[in-house]
Amino acid sequence: MRGFCKLDVAGCFTSISLNSLKQAAKVAQFGISGSSLWDNMLQMRSRAFALLTPKVNPAPAPNLPSDKDQARIALLEAHIASMAYFDILTFLERIDPQSNRSADEIRATIRLKVKTSKAKYQSFLISDQIFSSEKMKVIDGGKKDG
């Protein structure tokens, strides 16, 4: 109501203090029965606000796989993750630090293996679409008191 009182339209009306509006509503009773003009103004403002406020439709609930399918998918992803781990582990065990290859050659071999492993496993292990910032939003939640 304070925002309404601050409105100023040239040639029609000027701003008024909230207390002045309340006092004027108490003085000017135009045949309103049961409640004061002030209460009637508050009710009309609430109805107008409700009419003009856009309705927010809640987002539909996502269609999630069944619990059985989610468990199967989790096991499959765990299996792929363990395959990726053992693939790298086996590769590292085969690198012989006592070999006559230079450190640069060993680094190049490791870089190539990391690149190959990323190409092979990254799409299975990290879903870029799930964590994209376009789909994330801040929600109101948590404790309201301190």
N, C-alpha and C. Protein backbone atom coordinates (compact mmCIF):
# COMPACT_ATOMS: atom_id res chain seq x y z
N MET A 1 0.82 -1.18 0.00
CA MET A 1 0.00 0.00 0.00
C MET A 1 0.87 1.26 0.00
N ARG A 2 2.05 1.15 0.57
CA ARG A 2 2.95 2.31 0.59
C ARG A 2 3.33 2.72 -0.83
N GLY A 3 3.56 1.73 -1.70
CA GLY A 3 3.89 2.03 -3.09
C GLY A 3 2.75 2.75 -3.79
N PHE A 4 1.52 2.34 -3.49
CA PHE A 4 0.34 3.00 -4.06
C PHE A 4 0.27 4.45 -3.60
N CYS A 5 0.54 4.68 -2.33
CA CYS A 5 0.49 6.04 -1.79
C CYS A 5 1.55 6.95 -2.41
N LYS A 6 2.64 6.39 -2.89
CA LYS A 6 3.71 7.19 -3.48
C LYS A 6 3.43 7.56 -4.94
N LEU A 7 2.39 6.97 -5.54
CA LEU A 7 2.08 7.27 -6.94
C LEU A 7 1.73 8.73 -7.10
N ASP A 8 2.16 9.30 -8.22
CA ASP A 8 1.90 10.71 -8.52
C ASP A 8 1.67 10.81 -10.02
N VAL A 9 0.42 11.10 -10.42
CA VAL A 9 0.08 11.24 -11.83
C VAL A 9 -0.35 12.68 -12.06
N ALA A 10 0.42 13.39 -12.86
CA ALA A 10 0.16 14.83 -13.10
C ALA A 10 -1.25 15.04 -13.65
N GLY A 11 -1.96 15.97 -13.05
CA GLY A 11 -3.30 16.30 -13.51
C GLY A 11 -4.39 15.41 -12.93
N CYS A 12 -4.01 14.30 -12.29
CA CYS A 12 -5.01 13.38 -11.72
C CYS A 12 -4.94 13.35 -10.20
N PHE A 13 -3.77 12.99 -9.68
CA PHE A 13 -3.60 12.93 -8.22
C PHE A 13 -2.12 13.00 -7.88
N THR A 14 -1.86 13.36 -6.63
CA THR A 14 -0.48 13.45 -6.15
C THR A 14 -0.27 12.41 -5.07
N SER A 15 0.97 12.22 -4.69
CA SER A 15 1.27 11.23 -3.65
C SER A 15 0.69 11.69 -2.31
N ILE A 16 0.49 10.72 -1.44
CA ILE A 16 -0.10 11.00 -0.13
C ILE A 16 0.56 10.06 0.87
N SER A 17 0.65 10.48 2.11
CA SER A 17 1.24 9.58 3.11
C SER A 17 0.23 8.50 3.46
N LEU A 18 0.73 7.36 3.88
CA LEU A 18 -0.13 6.23 4.22
C LEU A 18 -1.06 6.60 5.37
N ASN A 19 -0.54 7.28 6.37
CA ASN A 19 -1.37 7.68 7.52
C ASN A 19 -2.48 8.64 7.10
N SER A 20 -2.19 9.56 6.18
CA SER A 20 -3.23 10.49 5.70
C SER A 20 -4.33 9.74 4.97
N LEU A 21 -3.95 8.74 4.17
CA LEU A 21 -4.95 7.94 3.46
C LEU A 21 -5.81 7.15 4.44
N LYS A 22 -5.17 6.56 5.45
CA LYS A 22 -5.93 5.82 6.48
C LYS A 22 -6.92 6.74 7.19
N GLN A 23 -6.45 7.91 7.57
CA GLN A 23 -7.30 8.86 8.29
C GLN A 23 -8.47 9.30 7.42
N ALA A 24 -8.21 9.58 6.15
CA ALA A 24 -9.28 10.00 5.24
C ALA A 24 -10.30 8.87 5.06
N ALA A 25 -9.84 7.64 5.02
CA ALA A 25 -10.75 6.50 4.87
C ALA A 25 -11.62 6.34 6.10
N LYS A 26 -11.10 6.65 7.27
CA LYS A 26 -11.89 6.54 8.50
C LYS A 26 -12.95 7.64 8.57
N VAL A 27 -12.61 8.82 8.07
CA VAL A 27 -13.53 9.96 8.13
C VAL A 27 -14.63 9.81 7.09
N ALA A 28 -14.26 9.43 5.87
CA ALA A 28 -15.21 9.38 4.76
C ALA A 28 -15.81 7.98 4.64
N GLN A 29 -16.87 7.71 5.37
CA GLN A 29 -17.58 6.44 5.26
C GLN A 29 -18.73 6.63 4.27
N PHE A 30 -18.61 6.01 3.12
CA PHE A 30 -19.61 6.17 2.07
C PHE A 30 -20.60 5.01 2.08
N GLY A 31 -21.25 4.78 3.18
CA GLY A 31 -22.29 3.75 3.26
C GLY A 31 -21.76 2.33 3.19
N ILE A 32 -20.55 2.11 3.62
CA ILE A 32 -20.00 0.76 3.62
C ILE A 32 -20.39 0.11 4.93
N SER A 33 -21.09 -0.99 4.85
CA SER A 33 -21.56 -1.63 6.07
C SER A 33 -20.61 -2.74 6.50
N GLY A 34 -20.48 -2.91 7.79
CA GLY A 34 -19.72 -4.03 8.34
C GLY A 34 -18.24 -3.78 8.49
N SER A 35 -17.63 -3.05 7.61
CA SER A 35 -16.19 -2.82 7.72
C SER A 35 -15.91 -1.37 7.36
N SER A 36 -14.72 -0.95 7.65
CA SER A 36 -14.35 0.44 7.35
C SER A 36 -13.97 0.58 5.89
N LEU A 37 -13.96 1.80 5.44
CA LEU A 37 -13.53 2.09 4.07
C LEU A 37 -12.08 1.65 3.87
N TRP A 38 -11.28 1.79 4.90
CA TRP A 38 -9.88 1.38 4.83
C TRP A 38 -9.77 -0.13 4.55
N ASP A 39 -10.56 -0.94 5.30
CA ASP A 39 -10.54 -2.40 5.07
C ASP A 39 -11.01 -2.73 3.67
N ASN A 40 -12.02 -2.00 3.20
CA ASN A 40 -12.53 -2.22 1.85
C ASN A 40 -11.46 -1.89 0.82
N MET A 41 -10.72 -0.80 1.03
CA MET A 41 -9.63 -0.44 0.11
C MET A 41 -8.55 -1.51 0.07
N LEU A 42 -8.21 -2.05 1.25
CA LEU A 42 -7.20 -3.11 1.31
C LEU A 42 -7.66 -4.36 0.56
N GLN A 43 -8.94 -4.71 0.71
CA GLN A 43 -9.47 -5.88 0.01
C GLN A 43 -9.46 -5.66 -1.50
N MET A 44 -9.87 -4.48 -1.95
CA MET A 44 -9.87 -4.19 -3.39
C MET A 44 -8.45 -4.22 -3.95
N ARG A 45 -7.49 -3.68 -3.19
CA ARG A 45 -6.11 -3.72 -3.63
C ARG A 45 -5.60 -5.14 -3.75
N SER A 46 -5.97 -5.99 -2.78
CA SER A 46 -5.55 -7.40 -2.83
C SER A 46 -6.15 -8.11 -4.04
N ARG A 47 -7.43 -7.84 -4.32
CA ARG A 47 -8.07 -8.48 -5.49
C ARG A 47 -7.43 -7.99 -6.79
N ALA A 48 -7.14 -6.69 -6.88
CA ALA A 48 -6.50 -6.15 -8.08
C ALA A 48 -5.11 -6.74 -8.26
N PHE A 49 -4.38 -6.86 -7.16
CA PHE A 49 -3.03 -7.44 -7.22
C PHE A 49 -3.10 -8.89 -7.69
N ALA A 50 -4.09 -9.65 -7.17
CA ALA A 50 -4.23 -11.05 -7.57
C ALA A 50 -4.58 -11.17 -9.05
N LEU A 51 -5.38 -10.24 -9.56
CA LEU A 51 -5.75 -10.27 -10.98
C LEU A 51 -4.57 -9.93 -11.88
N LEU A 52 -3.72 -9.03 -11.44
CA LEU A 52 -2.62 -8.55 -12.28
C LEU A 52 -1.33 -9.34 -12.12
N THR A 53 -1.23 -10.15 -11.08
CA THR A 53 -0.03 -10.94 -10.85
C THR A 53 -0.06 -12.16 -11.77
N PRO A 54 0.98 -12.35 -12.59
CA PRO A 54 0.98 -13.51 -13.49
C PRO A 54 1.01 -14.82 -12.70
N LYS A 55 0.25 -15.75 -13.17
CA LYS A 55 0.21 -17.07 -12.54
C LYS A 55 1.46 -17.85 -12.95
N VAL A 56 2.12 -18.43 -11.99
CA VAL A 56 3.33 -19.21 -12.25
C VAL A 56 2.93 -20.68 -12.22
N ASN A 57 3.09 -21.32 -13.37
CA ASN A 57 2.80 -22.75 -13.43
C ASN A 57 4.02 -23.53 -12.99
N PRO A 58 3.86 -24.43 -12.04
CA PRO A 58 5.03 -25.20 -11.61
C PRO A 58 5.53 -26.08 -12.76
N ALA A 59 6.83 -26.25 -12.79
CA ALA A 59 7.44 -27.08 -13.83
C ALA A 59 6.97 -28.52 -13.64
N PRO A 60 6.69 -29.21 -14.72
CA PRO A 60 6.26 -30.60 -14.58
C PRO A 60 7.38 -31.45 -13.98
N ALA A 61 6.98 -32.42 -13.21
CA ALA A 61 7.96 -33.31 -12.59
C ALA A 61 8.67 -34.11 -13.69
N PRO A 62 9.98 -34.23 -13.58
CA PRO A 62 10.70 -34.99 -14.62
C PRO A 62 10.33 -36.46 -14.57
N ASN A 63 10.32 -37.07 -15.75
CA ASN A 63 10.04 -38.50 -15.82
C ASN A 63 11.31 -39.26 -15.48
N LEU A 64 11.37 -39.75 -14.27
CA LEU A 64 12.55 -40.47 -13.82
C LEU A 64 12.40 -41.96 -14.12
N PRO A 65 13.51 -42.62 -14.38
CA PRO A 65 13.44 -44.07 -14.55
C PRO A 65 13.00 -44.74 -13.24
N SER A 66 12.51 -45.94 -13.36
CA SER A 66 12.09 -46.68 -12.16
C SER A 66 13.30 -46.95 -11.27
N ASP A 67 13.02 -47.31 -10.02
CA ASP A 67 14.12 -47.61 -9.08
C ASP A 67 15.00 -48.73 -9.62
N LYS A 68 14.38 -49.73 -10.22
CA LYS A 68 15.13 -50.86 -10.76
C LYS A 68 16.06 -50.40 -11.90
N ASP A 69 15.53 -49.54 -12.78
CA ASP A 69 16.35 -49.03 -13.88
C ASP A 69 17.47 -48.13 -13.37
N GLN A 70 17.17 -47.31 -12.35
CA GLN A 70 18.21 -46.45 -11.78
C GLN A 70 19.32 -47.28 -11.16
N ALA A 71 18.97 -48.37 -10.48
CA ALA A 71 19.99 -49.24 -9.89
C ALA A 71 20.83 -49.90 -10.98
N ARG A 72 20.18 -50.33 -12.06
CA ARG A 72 20.90 -50.96 -13.17
C ARG A 72 21.86 -49.95 -13.82
N ILE A 73 21.40 -48.72 -14.02
CA ILE A 73 22.24 -47.68 -14.61
C ILE A 73 23.42 -47.36 -13.70
N ALA A 74 23.17 -47.28 -12.39
CA ALA A 74 24.25 -46.99 -11.43
C ALA A 74 25.31 -48.09 -11.47
N LEU A 75 24.87 -49.34 -11.53
CA LEU A 75 25.84 -50.45 -11.61
C LEU A 75 26.64 -50.40 -12.91
N LEU A 76 25.98 -50.07 -14.00
CA LEU A 76 26.67 -49.97 -15.28
C LEU A 76 27.71 -48.84 -15.25
N GLU A 77 27.32 -47.68 -14.69
CA GLU A 77 28.26 -46.57 -14.60
C GLU A 77 29.43 -46.89 -13.67
N ALA A 78 29.16 -47.62 -12.59
CA ALA A 78 30.24 -48.03 -11.69
C ALA A 78 31.19 -48.99 -12.41
N HIS A 79 30.64 -49.88 -13.22
CA HIS A 79 31.47 -50.82 -13.97
C HIS A 79 32.36 -50.07 -14.97
N ILE A 80 31.79 -49.09 -15.66
CA ILE A 80 32.57 -48.31 -16.63
C ILE A 80 33.66 -47.52 -15.91
N ALA A 81 33.33 -46.95 -14.74
CA ALA A 81 34.33 -46.20 -13.97
C ALA A 81 35.47 -47.11 -13.54
N SER A 82 35.14 -48.33 -13.11
CA SER A 82 36.21 -49.25 -12.70
C SER A 82 37.04 -49.69 -13.91
N MET A 83 36.41 -49.84 -15.07
CA MET A 83 37.17 -50.17 -16.28
C MET A 83 38.17 -49.06 -16.60
N ALA A 84 37.71 -47.80 -16.50
CA ALA A 84 38.59 -46.67 -16.77
C ALA A 84 39.75 -46.64 -15.79
N TYR A 85 39.45 -46.89 -14.52
CA TYR A 85 40.49 -46.90 -13.49
C TYR A 85 41.53 -47.98 -13.78
N PHE A 86 41.08 -49.19 -14.05
CA PHE A 86 42.03 -50.28 -14.28
C PHE A 86 42.78 -50.12 -15.60
N ASP A 87 42.16 -49.47 -16.57
CA ASP A 87 42.85 -49.19 -17.82
C ASP A 87 44.07 -48.30 -17.57
N ILE A 88 43.86 -47.21 -16.81
CA ILE A 88 44.97 -46.30 -16.48
C ILE A 88 45.98 -46.99 -15.56
N LEU A 89 45.48 -47.73 -14.57
CA LEU A 89 46.38 -48.41 -13.63
C LEU A 89 47.29 -49.40 -14.37
N THR A 90 46.72 -50.18 -15.25
CA THR A 90 47.52 -51.14 -16.02
C THR A 90 48.56 -50.43 -16.88
N PHE A 91 48.15 -49.33 -17.49
CA PHE A 91 49.08 -48.55 -18.30
C PHE A 91 50.25 -48.05 -17.45
N LEU A 92 49.94 -47.48 -16.28
CA LEU A 92 51.00 -46.95 -15.42
C LEU A 92 51.93 -48.04 -14.91
N GLU A 93 51.38 -49.22 -14.64
CA GLU A 93 52.23 -50.32 -14.18
C GLU A 93 53.19 -50.78 -15.27
N ARG A 94 52.80 -50.62 -16.54
CA ARG A 94 53.66 -51.05 -17.63
C ARG A 94 54.78 -50.06 -17.95
N ILE A 95 54.66 -48.84 -17.44
CA ILE A 95 55.74 -47.87 -17.68
C ILE A 95 56.91 -48.27 -16.79
N ASP A 96 58.00 -48.53 -17.42
CA ASP A 96 59.20 -48.97 -16.69
C ASP A 96 60.11 -47.78 -16.44
N PRO A 97 60.24 -47.36 -15.19
CA PRO A 97 61.10 -46.21 -14.91
C PRO A 97 62.58 -46.50 -15.21
N GLN A 98 62.94 -47.77 -15.28
CA GLN A 98 64.34 -48.14 -15.54
C GLN A 98 64.65 -48.23 -17.04
N SER A 99 63.64 -47.98 -17.88
CA SER A 99 63.89 -48.12 -19.32
C SER A 99 64.81 -47.00 -19.81
N ASN A 100 65.28 -47.17 -21.01
CA ASN A 100 66.22 -46.19 -21.55
C ASN A 100 65.51 -45.05 -22.28
N ARG A 101 64.18 -44.92 -22.08
CA ARG A 101 63.45 -43.81 -22.70
C ARG A 101 63.66 -42.54 -21.87
N SER A 102 63.62 -41.43 -22.56
CA SER A 102 63.81 -40.14 -21.87
C SER A 102 62.52 -39.75 -21.14
N ALA A 103 62.66 -38.81 -20.21
CA ALA A 103 61.50 -38.34 -19.45
C ALA A 103 60.47 -37.69 -20.39
N ASP A 104 60.94 -37.00 -21.41
CA ASP A 104 60.03 -36.37 -22.37
C ASP A 104 59.21 -37.41 -23.13
N GLU A 105 59.86 -38.53 -23.49
CA GLU A 105 59.14 -39.59 -24.19
C GLU A 105 58.08 -40.21 -23.27
N ILE A 106 58.43 -40.41 -22.02
CA ILE A 106 57.48 -40.99 -21.05
C ILE A 106 56.31 -40.02 -20.85
N ARG A 107 56.60 -38.72 -20.70
CA ARG A 107 55.53 -37.72 -20.54
C ARG A 107 54.61 -37.71 -21.76
N ALA A 108 55.18 -37.79 -22.95
CA ALA A 108 54.39 -37.79 -24.18
C ALA A 108 53.49 -39.02 -24.23
N THR A 109 54.01 -40.17 -23.80
CA THR A 109 53.22 -41.41 -23.77
C THR A 109 52.07 -41.27 -22.78
N ILE A 110 52.35 -40.69 -21.62
CA ILE A 110 51.30 -40.50 -20.60
C ILE A 110 50.24 -39.52 -21.12
N ARG A 111 50.67 -38.42 -21.73
CA ARG A 111 49.71 -37.45 -22.28
C ARG A 111 48.80 -38.11 -23.31
N LEU A 112 49.39 -38.93 -24.18
CA LEU A 112 48.60 -39.62 -25.20
C LEU A 112 47.60 -40.57 -24.56
N LYS A 113 48.02 -41.29 -23.52
CA LYS A 113 47.12 -42.22 -22.84
C LYS A 113 45.97 -41.47 -22.15
N VAL A 114 46.29 -40.35 -21.51
CA VAL A 114 45.24 -39.55 -20.85
C VAL A 114 44.24 -39.04 -21.89
N LYS A 115 44.75 -38.56 -23.01
CA LYS A 115 43.88 -38.06 -24.08
C LYS A 115 42.99 -39.18 -24.62
N THR A 116 43.59 -40.35 -24.83
CA THR A 116 42.83 -41.51 -25.32
C THR A 116 41.77 -41.93 -24.31
N SER A 117 42.14 -41.96 -23.04
CA SER A 117 41.19 -42.36 -21.99
C SER A 117 40.03 -41.37 -21.88
N LYS A 118 40.34 -40.08 -22.00
CA LYS A 118 39.26 -39.08 -21.97
C LYS A 118 38.28 -39.32 -23.11
N ALA A 119 38.83 -39.53 -24.30
CA ALA A 119 37.97 -39.76 -25.46
C ALA A 119 37.13 -41.02 -25.28
N LYS A 120 37.72 -42.01 -24.64
CA LYS A 120 37.07 -43.31 -24.49
C LYS A 120 35.99 -43.29 -23.40
N TYR A 121 36.26 -42.64 -22.27
CA TYR A 121 35.40 -42.78 -21.09
C TYR A 121 34.65 -41.53 -20.66
N GLN A 122 35.06 -40.35 -21.09
CA GLN A 122 34.48 -39.13 -20.53
C GLN A 122 32.97 -39.03 -20.77
N SER A 123 32.51 -39.41 -21.94
CA SER A 123 31.07 -39.30 -22.20
C SER A 123 30.26 -40.23 -21.31
N PHE A 124 30.86 -41.31 -20.83
CA PHE A 124 30.16 -42.23 -19.94
C PHE A 124 30.17 -41.73 -18.50
N LEU A 125 31.25 -41.08 -18.11
CA LEU A 125 31.44 -40.75 -16.70
C LEU A 125 30.95 -39.35 -16.32
N ILE A 126 30.97 -38.41 -17.24
CA ILE A 126 30.58 -37.04 -16.92
C ILE A 126 29.53 -36.60 -17.93
N SER A 127 28.36 -36.27 -17.41
CA SER A 127 27.31 -35.77 -18.29
C SER A 127 27.33 -34.25 -18.23
N ASP A 128 27.82 -33.62 -19.28
CA ASP A 128 27.89 -32.15 -19.32
C ASP A 128 26.50 -31.54 -19.29
N GLN A 129 25.52 -32.23 -19.85
CA GLN A 129 24.16 -31.68 -19.90
C GLN A 129 23.54 -31.60 -18.51
N ILE A 130 23.82 -32.55 -17.65
CA ILE A 130 23.22 -32.54 -16.31
C ILE A 130 23.70 -31.34 -15.53
N PHE A 131 24.97 -30.97 -15.67
CA PHE A 131 25.55 -29.91 -14.86
C PHE A 131 25.71 -28.60 -15.62
N SER A 132 25.00 -28.41 -16.73
CA SER A 132 25.15 -27.16 -17.46
C SER A 132 24.48 -26.03 -16.68
N SER A 133 25.07 -24.86 -16.73
CA SER A 133 24.56 -23.74 -15.94
C SER A 133 23.21 -23.25 -16.44
N GLU A 134 22.86 -23.52 -17.70
CA GLU A 134 21.56 -23.07 -18.22
C GLU A 134 20.42 -23.77 -17.49
N LYS A 135 20.64 -25.03 -17.08
CA LYS A 135 19.57 -25.78 -16.44
C LYS A 135 19.55 -25.59 -14.93
N MET A 136 20.57 -24.94 -14.38
CA MET A 136 20.61 -24.74 -12.93
C MET A 136 19.98 -23.41 -12.57
N LYS A 137 19.35 -23.38 -11.40
CA LYS A 137 18.77 -22.13 -10.94
C LYS A 137 18.83 -22.09 -9.42
N VAL A 138 18.82 -20.89 -8.88
CA VAL A 138 18.85 -20.70 -7.44
C VAL A 138 17.43 -20.86 -6.92
N ILE A 139 17.28 -21.63 -5.87
CA ILE A 139 15.96 -21.82 -5.28
C ILE A 139 15.93 -21.22 -3.89
N ASP A 140 14.74 -20.84 -3.46
CA ASP A 140 14.57 -20.30 -2.12
C ASP A 140 14.41 -21.48 -1.18
N GLY A 141 15.20 -21.51 -0.14
CA GLY A 141 15.11 -22.63 0.79
C GLY A 141 15.93 -22.36 2.02
N GLY A 142 15.94 -23.32 2.89
CA GLY A 142 16.73 -23.18 4.11
C GLY A 142 15.92 -22.57 5.22
N LYS A 143 16.58 -22.37 6.32
CA LYS A 143 15.92 -21.82 7.50
C LYS A 143 15.65 -20.33 7.31
N LYS A 144 14.49 -19.91 7.73
CA LYS A 144 14.15 -18.48 7.68
C LYS A 144 14.64 -17.76 8.93
N ASP A 145 14.69 -18.47 10.07
CA ASP A 145 15.13 -17.86 11.34
C ASP A 145 16.62 -18.10 11.52
N GLY A 146 17.37 -17.02 11.62
CA GLY A 146 18.76 -17.01 11.97
C GLY A 146 19.57 -18.14 11.61
